[in-house]
Amino acid sequence: MSHDDANGRNSGATFLIGFIAGSMLGAGLALLFAPKPGDETRREVAERAQRVKDKAREGLGSASDRVAQFTERGKAIYQTAAEKARDAAQAVREGRDPIAAVADGDETLS
């Protein structure tokens, strides 16, 4: 795994944490400096907090879907590579060229 891959994965989580923290800080400041009555301000803060929570939940669902897609793709690539390795090993046992055996019906791994 390259350094860029790790940063790419972590940057999404870091952004989400920063977004949530910033939203909570903004809501708190709005509560402190709001020129509205307390009940109305608390209701607005609660609504904003709910919207932030909903957006965070959507983001988490989207991220989970992408992880599942990458997992499935990784399994497929692994299975293809394992089949090619078995074909090459069989070819060697039979005294055939392993590269030619793997190249027959070549499917790319990407």
Protein backbone atom coordinates (compact mmCIF):
# COMPACT_ATOMS: atom_id res chain seq x y z
CA MET A 1 0.00 0.00 0.00
CA SER A 2 1.47 3.32 -0.97
CA HIS A 3 1.66 6.39 1.21
CA ASP A 4 -0.81 8.18 -1.08
CA ASP A 5 -3.41 5.41 -0.66
CA ALA A 6 -3.23 5.70 3.11
CA ASN A 7 -3.57 9.48 2.94
CA GLY A 8 -6.49 9.22 0.53
CA ARG A 9 -8.38 6.93 2.86
CA ASN A 10 -7.57 8.94 5.96
CA SER A 11 -8.39 12.30 4.41
CA GLY A 12 -12.09 11.37 4.07
CA ALA A 13 -12.34 10.37 7.72
CA THR A 14 -10.37 13.44 8.79
CA PHE A 15 -12.65 15.67 6.75
CA LEU A 16 -15.77 14.10 8.25
CA ILE A 17 -14.48 14.50 11.80
CA GLY A 18 -13.47 18.10 11.11
CA PHE A 19 -16.83 18.82 9.52
CA ILE A 20 -18.74 17.46 12.49
CA ALA A 21 -16.51 19.26 15.01
CA GLY A 22 -16.80 22.52 13.08
CA SER A 23 -20.55 22.18 12.87
CA MET A 24 -20.84 21.62 16.60
CA LEU A 25 -18.56 24.59 17.32
CA GLY A 26 -20.60 26.77 14.98
CA ALA A 27 -23.83 25.68 16.62
CA GLY A 28 -22.44 26.49 20.05
CA LEU A 29 -21.25 29.93 18.96
CA ALA A 30 -24.61 30.60 17.35
CA LEU A 31 -26.29 29.76 20.63
CA LEU A 32 -24.02 32.13 22.56
CA PHE A 33 -24.35 35.09 20.20
CA ALA A 34 -27.91 34.66 18.97
CA PRO A 35 -30.25 37.62 19.41
CA LYS A 36 -33.27 35.30 19.60
CA PRO A 37 -35.07 33.91 22.65
CA GLY A 38 -33.53 30.80 24.20
CA ASP A 39 -36.31 28.39 23.20
CA GLU A 40 -36.18 29.42 19.57
CA THR A 41 -32.38 29.31 19.51
CA ARG A 42 -32.29 25.85 21.09
CA ARG A 43 -34.83 24.59 18.54
CA GLU A 44 -32.74 25.94 15.66
CA VAL A 45 -29.54 24.45 17.10
CA ALA A 46 -31.30 21.08 17.50
CA GLU A 47 -32.52 21.22 13.89
CA ARG A 48 -29.06 22.08 12.62
CA ALA A 49 -27.53 19.31 14.69
CA GLN A 50 -30.06 16.87 13.22
CA ARG A 51 -29.16 17.99 9.68
CA VAL A 52 -25.46 17.50 10.42
CA LYS A 53 -26.20 14.07 11.86
CA ASP A 54 -28.22 13.13 8.77
CA LYS A 55 -25.47 14.30 6.40
CA ALA A 56 -22.86 12.40 8.40
CA ARG A 57 -25.03 9.28 8.24
CA GLU A 58 -25.37 9.70 4.44
CA GLY A 59 -21.61 10.08 4.12
CA LEU A 60 -21.01 6.99 6.20
CA GLY A 61 -23.47 5.00 4.08
CA SER A 62 -21.77 6.14 0.89
CA ALA A 63 -18.34 5.26 2.28
CA SER A 64 -19.60 1.83 3.37
CA ASP A 65 -20.96 1.18 -0.12
CA ARG A 66 -17.61 2.09 -1.69
CA VAL A 67 -15.72 -0.17 0.71
CA ALA A 68 -18.05 -3.04 -0.20
CA GLN A 69 -17.47 -2.40 -3.91
CA PHE A 70 -13.69 -2.35 -3.46
CA THR A 71 -13.88 -5.53 -1.38
CA GLU A 72 -15.83 -7.35 -4.09
CA ARG A 73 -13.43 -6.14 -6.78
CA GLY A 74 -10.47 -7.25 -4.66
CA LYS A 75 -11.98 -10.71 -4.24
CA ALA A 76 -12.51 -11.03 -7.98
CA ILE A 77 -8.92 -9.97 -8.71
CA TYR A 78 -7.62 -12.40 -6.10
CA GLN A 79 -9.66 -15.28 -7.55
CA THR A 80 -8.43 -14.53 -11.09
CA ALA A 81 -4.81 -14.38 -9.91
CA ALA A 82 -5.19 -17.62 -7.93
CA GLU A 83 -6.65 -19.39 -10.98
CA LYS A 84 -3.78 -18.19 -13.15
CA ALA A 85 -1.26 -19.35 -10.55
CA ARG A 86 -2.91 -22.81 -10.44
CA ASP A 87 -2.90 -22.98 -14.26
CA ALA A 88 0.79 -22.04 -14.36
CA ALA A 89 1.67 -24.60 -11.67
CA GLN A 90 -0.25 -27.31 -13.53
CA ALA A 91 1.55 -26.41 -16.75
CA VAL A 92 4.93 -26.72 -15.02
CA ARG A 93 3.97 -30.14 -13.61
CA GLU A 94 2.97 -31.23 -17.12
CA GLY A 95 6.18 -29.86 -18.66
CA ARG A 96 4.40 -27.11 -20.59
CA ASP A 97 5.24 -23.41 -20.79
CA PRO A 98 3.52 -21.76 -17.81
CA ILE A 99 3.35 -18.38 -19.53
CA ALA A 100 1.55 -19.83 -22.53
CA ALA A 101 -0.83 -21.73 -20.23
CA VAL A 102 -1.75 -18.56 -18.38
CA ALA A 103 -1.99 -16.48 -21.57
CA ASP A 104 -4.65 -18.82 -23.04
CA GLY A 105 -7.98 -17.08 -22.58
CA ASP A 106 -6.10 -14.18 -20.99
CA GLU A 107 -8.25 -12.01 -18.76
CA THR A 108 -6.58 -8.93 -17.39
CA LEU A 109 -6.44 -8.39 -13.67
CA SER A 110 -7.29 -4.71 -13.85
